[in-house]
Amino acid sequence: MNTAREIRNIWDEIGRMKTRTAGSASGAVKTFLGLNDTPAAYAGAALQNVRVNAAANALEFAAGGDVTGPGASTDTALARFHLATGKIIQNSNAILNDAGLLFLADTANTKMTIGITVNQLGNDDEIAAYKSSDVAHGATNWSETDTFLCIRKHAAATGGGQFRGLSSGTVGVAFQALYTNDTTAFAGEGGVQLEAFKISGAGITNAHADQVILSIKTYIGGGFLGIWGVNASGNVWQTGSLGINTAVPTAWLHLPAGIATHPPLKFTAGTALATPEAGSVEYHDGRFYLTNVATQRAIDRSSDTIISTTTVTNTTVETTVWTGTLAANSLMAGNIIMIRIYGEVTNTTAADDLDLSLYLGATLLGTIGAAIGKVAGDPWHILCSLTVRTAGAGGTISSHCDIDVAGFETHDNIESSVIDTTGASDVTVKMTWDNAKVGNIFKCTQGFLSKKN
């Protein structure tokens, strides 16, 4: 019902009736109540409107659903009811302008085209709260018990946004990001991206290199404690142990076991520290370096350890009894290689002799053709030291080998031998009996290769 139009039509009709009766003093209608189809009195009808009755044959006063308002209001302000009568409206500090901006306690925001602007004025509590009747977390010192999410200032005087989730379960806040395009560059964007910038004037400036950009804090031991952080230089700090694929680390850094395609720890070759640092481990020039005080020293690495006996008997065929592997390009200038091989020998008669030799690739480093006499379980050993002088296809090594078989010795010192370090150069020990007899038994029982640096 358009009450204003109906009232206007009623008064127009009253005006026409007055005109028709204007010439007759006895029939003139002086007031609205004087009409024969209007209410008889104004009493009890304060602030009510006139309407056509339900029978559509007279006029009556009515108050149902009709409201009154102030004489002036703020342009585009949202109207509110005053009291509970449903009849009186009043002004508000909520403004919905023609562009689609909604303001609460504010009137302008030059950085917003369409959206909601809320001015909290001097208040320091929640500026936005989201509730659910399903929620009852009980943490009423922080928010009302049915509030599951709220936004507020982090600090009363300096600001900062605080995003708080509350739950009676295990998850207080969960961030979910659904994206379309993949990115694999760690220096680029991510599915979830956190950004922190330092304010300078009306813009931003470079962060301090040690500025903490992201931190994690909890309440433990009766106080708030920072437990993890990363600064603008990408340095990561935390209070406890770090376990990689390890739920309960028992060291400051606890690594998992390696697998066939993934070692637990891997170094990338770099450059030696210009100033050695005590306790540091480095990898360069094909070596691991450890600094205990102020000097970088290469770490000894052993390999090709004999864990089962190799026996040569009843044959005159030259037989390889041990191999130490040196992969292509694994030798660098300055490398020291130590070879230690041990065993025992038995022959049938004093006339049964043997040859024992040590090779680096095809280069003979030392050999002995021993007339050993009659022996039974007598020891033998090879002790050899190699120093790589130069590396490359025409690389050179210096060697010294001591070979002892049942007390018969030979010592070979070679100042320089040419060796191609760009190819594999295995170290081998080979032996040959001069007679094939069941009682001629040569055993290689232990040994290893060690790269001293």
Protein backbone atom coordinates (compact mmCIF):
# COMPACT_ATOMS: atom_id res chain seq x y z
CA MET A 1 0.00 0.00 0.00
CA ASN A 2 1.30 3.47 -0.95
CA THR A 3 0.01 5.41 2.05
CA ALA A 4 1.24 8.81 0.88
CA ARG A 5 -0.55 8.54 -2.45
CA GLU A 6 -3.75 7.32 -0.81
CA ILE A 7 -3.71 10.20 1.67
CA ARG A 8 -3.14 12.65 -1.16
CA ASN A 9 -6.11 11.17 -3.07
CA ILE A 10 -8.27 11.42 0.06
CA TRP A 11 -7.52 15.09 0.58
CA ASP A 12 -8.09 15.78 -3.10
CA GLU A 13 -11.53 14.22 -2.75
CA ILE A 14 -12.21 16.26 0.38
CA GLY A 15 -11.27 19.39 -1.50
CA ARG A 16 -13.72 18.56 -4.29
CA MET A 17 -16.48 17.91 -1.75
CA LYS A 18 -15.88 21.27 -0.13
CA THR A 19 -16.12 22.96 -3.49
CA ARG A 20 -19.46 21.29 -4.27
CA THR A 21 -20.98 22.41 -0.98
CA ALA A 22 -19.44 25.85 -0.79
CA GLY A 23 -22.67 27.72 -1.68
CA SER A 24 -24.81 26.13 0.98
CA ALA A 25 -24.20 27.29 4.54
CA SER A 26 -26.28 24.50 6.00
CA GLY A 27 -24.55 21.75 3.96
CA ALA A 28 -20.95 23.00 4.18
CA VAL A 29 -18.35 20.53 5.53
CA LYS A 30 -15.92 22.37 7.74
CA THR A 31 -13.64 19.49 9.01
CA PHE A 32 -12.42 16.03 7.99
CA LEU A 33 -14.43 14.47 10.83
CA GLY A 34 -17.56 16.13 9.51
CA LEU A 35 -17.72 13.75 6.55
CA ASN A 36 -20.14 10.87 6.81
CA ASP A 37 -17.54 8.22 5.88
CA THR A 38 -14.67 9.26 8.16
CA PRO A 39 -13.81 8.52 11.81
CA ALA A 40 -15.82 10.30 14.39
CA ALA A 41 -12.91 11.61 16.48
CA TYR A 42 -9.14 12.07 16.58
CA ALA A 43 -8.78 10.74 20.11
CA GLY A 44 -6.38 7.78 20.40
CA ALA A 45 -5.13 8.18 16.83
CA ALA A 46 -1.98 10.21 17.46
CA LEU A 47 0.66 9.73 14.74
CA GLN A 48 -1.65 7.31 12.87
CA ASN A 49 -2.39 7.44 9.14
CA VAL A 50 -5.64 7.44 7.19
CA ARG A 51 -6.55 4.45 5.05
CA VAL A 52 -9.53 2.87 3.32
CA ASN A 53 -11.21 0.32 5.55
CA ALA A 54 -11.44 -3.39 4.82
CA ALA A 55 -14.98 -3.01 3.39
CA ALA A 56 -13.69 -0.35 1.01
CA ASN A 57 -16.60 2.02 1.84
CA ALA A 58 -15.09 4.45 4.38
CA LEU A 59 -11.89 5.89 5.81
CA GLU A 60 -10.25 5.01 9.13
CA PHE A 61 -7.16 5.76 11.22
CA ALA A 62 -4.52 2.98 11.36
CA ALA A 63 -1.03 2.58 12.87
CA GLY A 64 0.03 -0.83 11.54
CA GLY A 65 3.60 -0.81 9.98
CA ASP A 66 3.79 2.94 9.60
CA VAL A 67 6.97 4.72 10.73
CA THR A 68 8.21 8.21 11.31
CA GLY A 69 11.78 9.50 11.14
CA PRO A 70 13.98 12.46 12.02
CA GLY A 71 13.75 15.75 10.22
CA ALA A 72 17.32 15.33 8.86
CA SER A 73 19.80 12.45 8.35
CA THR A 74 23.22 11.68 6.88
CA ASP A 75 23.15 11.12 3.13
CA THR A 76 23.33 7.37 2.23
CA ALA A 77 23.26 6.38 5.93
CA LEU A 78 21.48 3.12 6.72
CA ALA A 79 18.22 3.73 8.66
CA ARG A 80 17.67 1.97 12.00
CA PHE A 81 14.60 1.41 14.12
CA HIS A 82 14.45 3.32 17.40
CA LEU A 83 12.97 1.42 20.36
CA ALA A 84 10.83 -1.66 19.79
CA THR A 85 7.61 -0.09 18.52
CA GLY A 86 8.52 -0.54 14.87
CA LYS A 87 7.29 3.00 14.20
CA ILE A 88 10.31 5.25 14.59
CA ILE A 89 13.52 5.22 12.51
CA GLN A 90 16.75 7.02 13.26
CA ASN A 91 20.09 7.91 11.68
CA SER A 92 23.23 5.63 11.95
CA ASN A 93 27.01 5.68 11.46
CA ALA A 94 26.71 2.94 8.83
CA ILE A 95 26.90 4.35 5.32
CA LEU A 96 26.28 2.54 2.06
CA ASN A 97 27.17 4.92 -0.73
CA ASP A 98 26.02 4.85 -4.34
CA ALA A 99 29.33 3.26 -5.48
CA GLY A 100 28.84 0.18 -3.31
CA LEU A 101 31.12 1.03 -0.38
CA LEU A 102 29.92 0.18 3.10
CA PHE A 103 31.39 2.26 5.92
CA LEU A 104 31.09 1.64 9.65
CA ALA A 105 32.09 4.67 11.75
CA ASP A 106 33.86 6.18 8.74
CA THR A 107 32.94 8.03 5.58
CA ALA A 108 35.80 7.69 3.10
CA ASN A 109 38.58 5.32 1.94
CA THR A 110 40.60 6.44 -1.07
CA LYS A 111 42.20 2.97 -1.34
CA MET A 112 38.90 1.15 -1.81
CA THR A 113 36.48 1.13 -4.73
CA ILE A 114 33.93 -1.44 -3.56
CA GLY A 115 34.13 -3.13 -0.19
CA ILE A 116 33.71 -2.66 3.57
CA THR A 117 35.62 -0.15 5.69
CA VAL A 118 35.38 -0.39 9.48
CA ASN A 119 36.87 2.28 11.75
CA GLN A 120 37.41 0.94 15.25
CA LEU A 121 38.17 4.42 16.55
CA GLY A 122 40.05 4.09 19.86
CA ASN A 123 38.84 0.60 20.71
CA ASP A 124 41.32 -2.27 21.05
CA ASP A 125 39.11 -5.34 21.01
CA GLU A 126 37.74 -7.38 18.08
CA ILE A 127 36.98 -5.51 14.88
CA ALA A 128 35.41 -8.55 13.21
CA ALA A 129 34.12 -11.79 14.70
CA TYR A 130 32.61 -14.89 13.11
CA LYS A 131 30.45 -17.21 15.18
CA SER A 132 28.75 -20.58 14.97
CA SER A 133 26.25 -22.17 17.32
CA ASP A 134 28.14 -25.46 16.82
CA VAL A 135 31.27 -24.02 18.48
CA ALA A 136 31.95 -23.86 22.23
CA HIS A 137 35.72 -23.68 22.77
CA GLY A 138 35.48 -22.20 26.27
CA ALA A 139 38.43 -19.80 25.88
CA THR A 140 36.33 -16.83 26.95
CA ASN A 141 39.37 -14.86 28.18
CA TRP A 142 40.21 -14.52 24.49
CA SER A 143 36.86 -14.46 22.67
CA GLU A 144 33.25 -15.44 23.20
CA THR A 145 32.90 -19.19 23.29
CA ASP A 146 31.02 -19.47 19.98
CA THR A 147 33.49 -17.25 18.08
CA PHE A 148 35.65 -19.42 15.83
CA LEU A 149 37.46 -16.60 14.02
CA CYS A 150 38.18 -12.97 14.85
CA ILE A 151 40.35 -10.09 13.65
CA ARG A 152 41.79 -7.44 15.95
CA LYS A 153 44.74 -5.09 16.45
CA HIS A 154 47.94 -6.80 17.51
CA ALA A 155 49.13 -3.81 19.57
CA ALA A 156 46.88 -1.06 20.93
CA ALA A 157 49.04 1.91 19.99
CA THR A 158 51.01 0.69 16.95
CA GLY A 159 48.49 -1.57 15.23
CA GLY A 160 49.31 -4.68 13.25
CA GLY A 161 46.64 -7.20 12.30
CA GLN A 162 45.95 -10.21 14.51
CA PHE A 163 44.11 -13.11 12.90
CA ARG A 164 42.81 -15.48 15.60
CA GLY A 165 41.12 -18.85 15.18
CA LEU A 166 39.58 -20.68 18.14
CA SER A 167 38.63 -24.34 18.29
CA SER A 168 37.62 -27.05 20.72
CA GLY A 169 39.52 -29.52 18.51
CA THR A 170 43.13 -29.74 17.30
CA VAL A 171 43.15 -27.11 14.52
CA GLY A 172 42.72 -23.44 15.40
CA VAL A 173 43.43 -21.99 11.95
CA ALA A 174 43.82 -23.77 8.62
CA PHE A 175 45.02 -21.96 5.50
CA GLN A 176 44.04 -23.61 2.24
CA ALA A 177 45.20 -22.48 -1.19
CA LEU A 178 43.88 -23.84 -4.46
CA TYR A 179 45.94 -22.77 -7.44
CA THR A 180 46.03 -23.43 -11.18
CA ASN A 181 49.57 -22.84 -12.44
CA ASP A 182 52.66 -24.61 -11.08
CA THR A 183 55.86 -22.80 -10.11
CA THR A 184 59.11 -24.56 -9.19
CA ALA A 185 61.33 -21.52 -8.54
CA PHE A 186 61.86 -21.08 -4.80
CA ALA A 187 62.66 -17.40 -5.34
CA GLY A 188 59.30 -16.89 -7.06
CA GLU A 189 55.71 -17.23 -5.92
CA GLY A 190 54.15 -20.16 -4.10
CA GLY A 191 50.79 -21.77 -3.52
CA VAL A 192 50.75 -20.05 -0.11
CA GLN A 193 52.78 -16.85 0.00
CA LEU A 194 53.65 -14.72 3.04
CA GLU A 195 55.13 -11.28 2.47
CA ALA A 196 56.69 -8.84 4.96
CA PHE A 197 57.94 -5.34 4.03
CA LYS A 198 59.48 -2.51 6.02
CA ILE A 199 57.57 0.79 5.86
CA SER A 200 59.45 3.90 4.77
CA GLY A 201 57.45 7.11 4.46
CA ALA A 202 54.46 6.37 2.21
CA GLY A 203 56.14 3.29 0.73
CA ILE A 204 58.59 0.51 1.61
CA THR A 205 62.35 0.14 1.85
CA ASN A 206 64.95 -2.61 2.18
CA ALA A 207 64.68 -4.83 5.21
CA HIS A 208 67.62 -5.12 7.60
CA ALA A 209 69.58 -8.28 6.77
CA ASP A 210 68.95 -9.66 10.27
CA GLN A 211 65.29 -8.60 10.47
CA VAL A 212 63.08 -11.50 11.51
CA ILE A 213 60.55 -11.85 8.69
CA LEU A 214 58.56 -14.81 9.97
CA SER A 215 58.41 -16.26 13.47
CA ILE A 216 56.50 -18.90 15.40
CA LYS A 217 55.68 -18.37 19.05
CA THR A 218 53.88 -20.44 21.68
CA TYR A 219 53.03 -20.33 25.38
CA ILE A 220 55.13 -22.80 27.35
CA GLY A 221 56.68 -22.92 30.79
CA GLY A 222 54.40 -20.14 31.99
CA GLY A 223 55.41 -17.60 29.34
CA PHE A 224 55.41 -16.74 25.65
CA LEU A 225 58.38 -18.21 23.78
CA GLY A 226 59.65 -17.79 20.23
CA ILE A 227 60.56 -21.25 18.91
CA TRP A 228 61.27 -20.66 15.19
CA GLY A 229 62.13 -17.81 12.87
CA VAL A 230 63.61 -16.84 9.51
CA ASN A 231 65.26 -13.50 8.77
CA ALA A 232 65.57 -11.37 5.64
CA SER A 233 68.81 -13.12 4.69
CA GLY A 234 67.05 -16.49 4.67
CA ASN A 235 68.75 -17.66 7.86
CA VAL A 236 66.57 -20.05 9.86
CA TRP A 237 66.65 -20.30 13.66
CA GLN A 238 64.85 -22.59 16.07
CA THR A 239 65.10 -23.53 19.72
CA GLY A 240 64.86 -27.31 19.46
CA SER A 241 66.18 -30.22 17.43
CA LEU A 242 65.50 -30.61 13.73
CA GLY A 243 64.51 -34.05 12.51
CA ILE A 244 64.26 -34.60 8.76
CA ASN A 245 61.72 -37.35 8.15
CA THR A 246 62.27 -38.14 11.82
CA ALA A 247 59.38 -37.63 14.24
CA VAL A 248 61.44 -37.62 17.47
CA PRO A 249 64.95 -36.26 16.77
CA THR A 250 67.63 -37.16 19.30
CA ALA A 251 70.26 -34.71 17.97
CA TRP A 252 70.22 -31.04 17.01
CA LEU A 253 70.12 -32.27 13.42
CA HIS A 254 68.77 -35.80 12.97
CA LEU A 255 68.93 -37.19 9.44
CA PRO A 256 67.07 -40.23 8.16
CA ALA A 257 68.69 -43.28 6.63
CA GLY A 258 69.77 -42.95 3.03
CA ILE A 259 68.21 -44.92 0.20
CA ALA A 260 69.57 -46.16 -3.11
CA THR A 261 68.86 -42.87 -4.88
CA HIS A 262 68.97 -40.42 -2.00
CA PRO A 263 71.89 -40.05 0.46
CA PRO A 264 71.15 -38.68 3.93
CA LEU A 265 73.66 -35.85 3.45
CA LYS A 266 75.32 -34.40 0.35
CA PHE A 267 77.86 -31.60 -0.12
CA THR A 268 78.23 -29.54 -3.28
CA ALA A 269 81.82 -28.75 -4.25
CA GLY A 270 82.76 -25.17 -3.46
CA THR A 271 85.73 -22.96 -2.60
CA ALA A 272 87.83 -23.17 0.53
CA LEU A 273 87.09 -20.65 3.25
CA ALA A 274 89.49 -17.72 3.01
CA THR A 275 89.65 -17.71 6.82
CA PRO A 276 89.30 -21.21 8.31
CA GLU A 277 86.65 -21.59 10.99
CA ALA A 278 87.07 -24.07 13.82
CA GLY A 279 84.51 -26.86 13.63
CA SER A 280 83.71 -26.33 9.93
CA VAL A 281 83.44 -29.08 7.32
CA GLU A 282 84.04 -28.22 3.65
CA TYR A 283 84.08 -30.06 0.35
CA HIS A 284 86.19 -28.92 -2.58
CA ASP A 285 88.92 -30.31 -4.87
CA GLY A 286 87.36 -33.75 -4.43
CA ARG A 287 88.14 -33.75 -0.69
CA PHE A 288 86.37 -33.22 2.60
CA TYR A 289 88.13 -30.77 4.91
CA LEU A 290 87.78 -30.47 8.66
CA THR A 291 89.11 -27.51 10.63
CA ASN A 292 89.80 -28.33 14.27
CA VAL A 293 91.49 -25.05 15.27
CA ALA A 294 92.75 -22.89 12.44
CA THR A 295 93.99 -25.28 9.73
CA GLN A 296 91.86 -27.02 7.10
CA ARG A 297 92.81 -30.69 6.94
CA ALA A 298 91.51 -33.26 4.50
CA ILE A 299 89.56 -36.15 6.03
CA ASP A 300 90.94 -39.66 5.63
CA ARG A 301 88.65 -41.89 3.54
CA SER A 302 89.07 -45.64 3.38
CA SER A 303 87.50 -48.14 1.00
CA ASP A 304 87.73 -51.61 -0.49
CA THR A 305 88.21 -53.27 2.87
CA ILE A 306 88.71 -57.04 2.67
CA ILE A 307 86.08 -58.86 4.71
CA SER A 308 86.52 -62.37 3.30
CA THR A 309 89.62 -64.40 2.43
CA THR A 310 90.72 -64.92 -1.19
CA THR A 311 92.65 -68.16 -1.74
CA VAL A 312 94.84 -69.14 -4.72
CA THR A 313 95.88 -72.81 -4.90
CA ASN A 314 96.74 -75.54 -7.41
CA THR A 315 97.13 -73.12 -10.35
CA THR A 316 99.84 -71.24 -12.22
CA VAL A 317 97.42 -68.67 -13.65
CA GLU A 318 98.07 -65.09 -12.53
CA THR A 319 95.19 -64.27 -10.16
CA THR A 320 93.94 -60.94 -8.86
CA VAL A 321 93.51 -61.25 -5.10
CA TRP A 322 92.46 -57.65 -4.29
CA THR A 323 91.20 -54.56 -6.14
CA GLY A 324 91.01 -50.99 -4.88
CA THR A 325 88.71 -48.79 -6.95
CA LEU A 326 89.78 -45.32 -8.09
CA ALA A 327 87.06 -43.85 -10.33
CA ALA A 328 87.75 -41.59 -13.28
CA ASN A 329 88.70 -38.05 -12.22
CA SER A 330 88.82 -39.07 -8.54
CA LEU A 331 92.55 -38.34 -8.24
CA MET A 332 93.59 -34.75 -7.63
CA ALA A 333 97.02 -33.20 -7.33
CA GLY A 334 98.20 -33.64 -3.75
CA ASN A 335 96.20 -36.82 -3.05
CA ILE A 336 98.02 -39.37 -0.90
CA ILE A 337 96.93 -42.99 -1.39
CA MET A 338 97.87 -45.59 1.23
CA ILE A 339 97.53 -49.32 0.40
CA ARG A 340 97.77 -52.01 3.06
CA ILE A 341 97.31 -55.71 2.09
CA TYR A 342 98.03 -58.73 4.30
CA GLY A 343 97.85 -62.54 4.20
CA GLU A 344 99.67 -65.84 4.65
CA VAL A 345 101.33 -68.41 2.43
CA THR A 346 102.00 -72.19 2.53
CA ASN A 347 103.88 -74.28 -0.05
CA THR A 348 104.38 -77.96 -0.68
CA THR A 349 108.17 -77.88 -0.97
CA ALA A 350 110.99 -75.37 -0.70
CA ALA A 351 111.14 -75.34 -4.50
CA ASP A 352 107.60 -73.93 -4.83
CA ASP A 353 107.92 -70.19 -5.25
CA LEU A 354 105.57 -67.32 -6.17
CA ASP A 355 105.45 -63.88 -7.78
CA LEU A 356 103.52 -61.06 -6.06
CA SER A 357 102.90 -57.69 -7.76
CA LEU A 358 101.06 -54.36 -7.22
CA TYR A 359 99.62 -52.36 -10.13
CA LEU A 360 97.97 -48.97 -10.58
CA GLY A 361 96.02 -49.47 -13.76
CA ALA A 362 98.61 -51.03 -16.08
CA THR A 363 101.55 -49.42 -14.26
CA LEU A 364 103.63 -51.82 -12.17
CA LEU A 365 104.41 -50.20 -8.82
CA GLY A 366 106.23 -53.06 -7.09
CA THR A 367 106.90 -56.79 -7.43
CA ILE A 368 108.70 -59.69 -5.77
CA GLY A 369 109.71 -63.07 -7.16
CA ALA A 370 110.42 -64.81 -3.90
CA ALA A 371 112.43 -67.97 -3.39
CA ILE A 372 110.72 -68.39 -0.06
CA GLY A 373 111.90 -71.86 0.88
CA LYS A 374 109.58 -74.14 2.81
CA VAL A 375 106.81 -72.15 4.54
CA ALA A 376 103.62 -73.05 6.38
CA GLY A 377 101.21 -70.21 7.17
CA ASP A 378 103.96 -67.59 7.01
CA PRO A 379 102.81 -63.95 6.75
CA TRP A 380 103.16 -61.61 3.81
CA HIS A 381 102.23 -57.96 3.31
CA ILE A 382 102.29 -55.08 0.84
CA LEU A 383 102.70 -51.53 2.11
CA CYS A 384 102.51 -48.81 -0.52
CA SER A 385 102.27 -45.03 -0.55
CA LEU A 386 101.28 -43.01 -3.64
CA THR A 387 101.35 -39.23 -4.08
CA VAL A 388 99.54 -37.64 -7.01
CA ARG A 389 101.78 -34.90 -8.36
CA THR A 390 99.69 -33.77 -11.32
CA ALA A 391 96.23 -34.71 -12.60
CA GLY A 392 94.93 -35.12 -16.13
CA ALA A 393 95.47 -37.36 -19.14
CA GLY A 394 99.23 -37.01 -18.61
CA GLY A 395 99.13 -36.99 -14.84
CA THR A 396 102.03 -38.18 -12.70
CA ILE A 397 102.43 -40.04 -9.42
CA SER A 398 105.31 -40.84 -7.09
CA SER A 399 105.26 -44.24 -5.36
CA HIS A 400 107.05 -46.30 -2.72
CA CYS A 401 106.19 -49.97 -2.19
CA ASP A 402 107.43 -52.47 0.41
CA ILE A 403 106.61 -56.14 -0.27
CA ASP A 404 107.49 -58.88 2.22
CA VAL A 405 106.77 -62.58 1.76
CA ALA A 406 107.85 -64.84 4.64
CA GLY A 407 110.75 -62.53 5.44
CA PHE A 408 111.89 -62.00 1.87
CA GLU A 409 111.60 -58.29 1.05
CA THR A 410 111.71 -55.95 -1.88
CA HIS A 411 111.47 -52.16 -1.86
CA ASP A 412 110.49 -50.19 -4.96
CA ASN A 413 110.65 -46.39 -5.07
CA ILE A 414 109.50 -44.72 -8.31
CA GLU A 415 110.01 -40.99 -8.39
CA SER A 416 107.44 -40.36 -11.14
CA SER A 417 105.13 -42.49 -13.24
CA VAL A 418 102.69 -41.27 -15.88
CA ILE A 419 99.03 -42.06 -15.25
CA ASP A 420 95.80 -40.89 -16.87
CA THR A 421 93.67 -39.68 -13.97
CA THR A 422 90.75 -38.89 -16.28
CA GLY A 423 90.08 -42.63 -16.59
CA ALA A 424 89.45 -45.30 -13.98
CA SER A 425 92.73 -46.49 -12.44
CA ASP A 426 92.11 -49.43 -10.15
CA VAL A 427 94.82 -50.63 -7.79
CA THR A 428 95.28 -54.41 -7.99
CA VAL A 429 97.31 -57.09 -6.23
CA LYS A 430 98.14 -60.13 -8.38
CA MET A 431 99.99 -63.35 -7.57
CA THR A 432 101.24 -66.41 -9.50
CA TRP A 433 102.46 -69.80 -8.29
CA ASP A 434 105.32 -71.36 -10.25
CA ASN A 435 103.84 -74.83 -9.65
CA ALA A 436 100.23 -75.97 -9.59
CA LYS A 437 99.94 -78.04 -6.45
CA VAL A 438 97.15 -78.60 -3.95
CA GLY A 439 99.57 -77.84 -1.15
CA ASN A 440 100.58 -74.46 -2.60
CA ILE A 441 98.13 -72.16 -0.81
CA PHE A 442 98.20 -68.34 -0.95
CA LYS A 443 95.69 -66.43 1.14
CA CYS A 444 94.79 -62.71 1.09
CA THR A 445 93.09 -62.11 4.43
CA GLN A 446 92.80 -58.39 5.01
CA GLY A 447 93.53 -55.03 3.46
CA PHE A 448 92.19 -51.63 2.43
CA LEU A 449 92.83 -48.49 0.38
CA SER A 450 92.92 -45.15 2.11
CA LYS A 451 92.82 -41.69 0.58
CA LYS A 452 94.54 -39.60 3.19
CA ASN A 453 93.28 -36.32 1.79
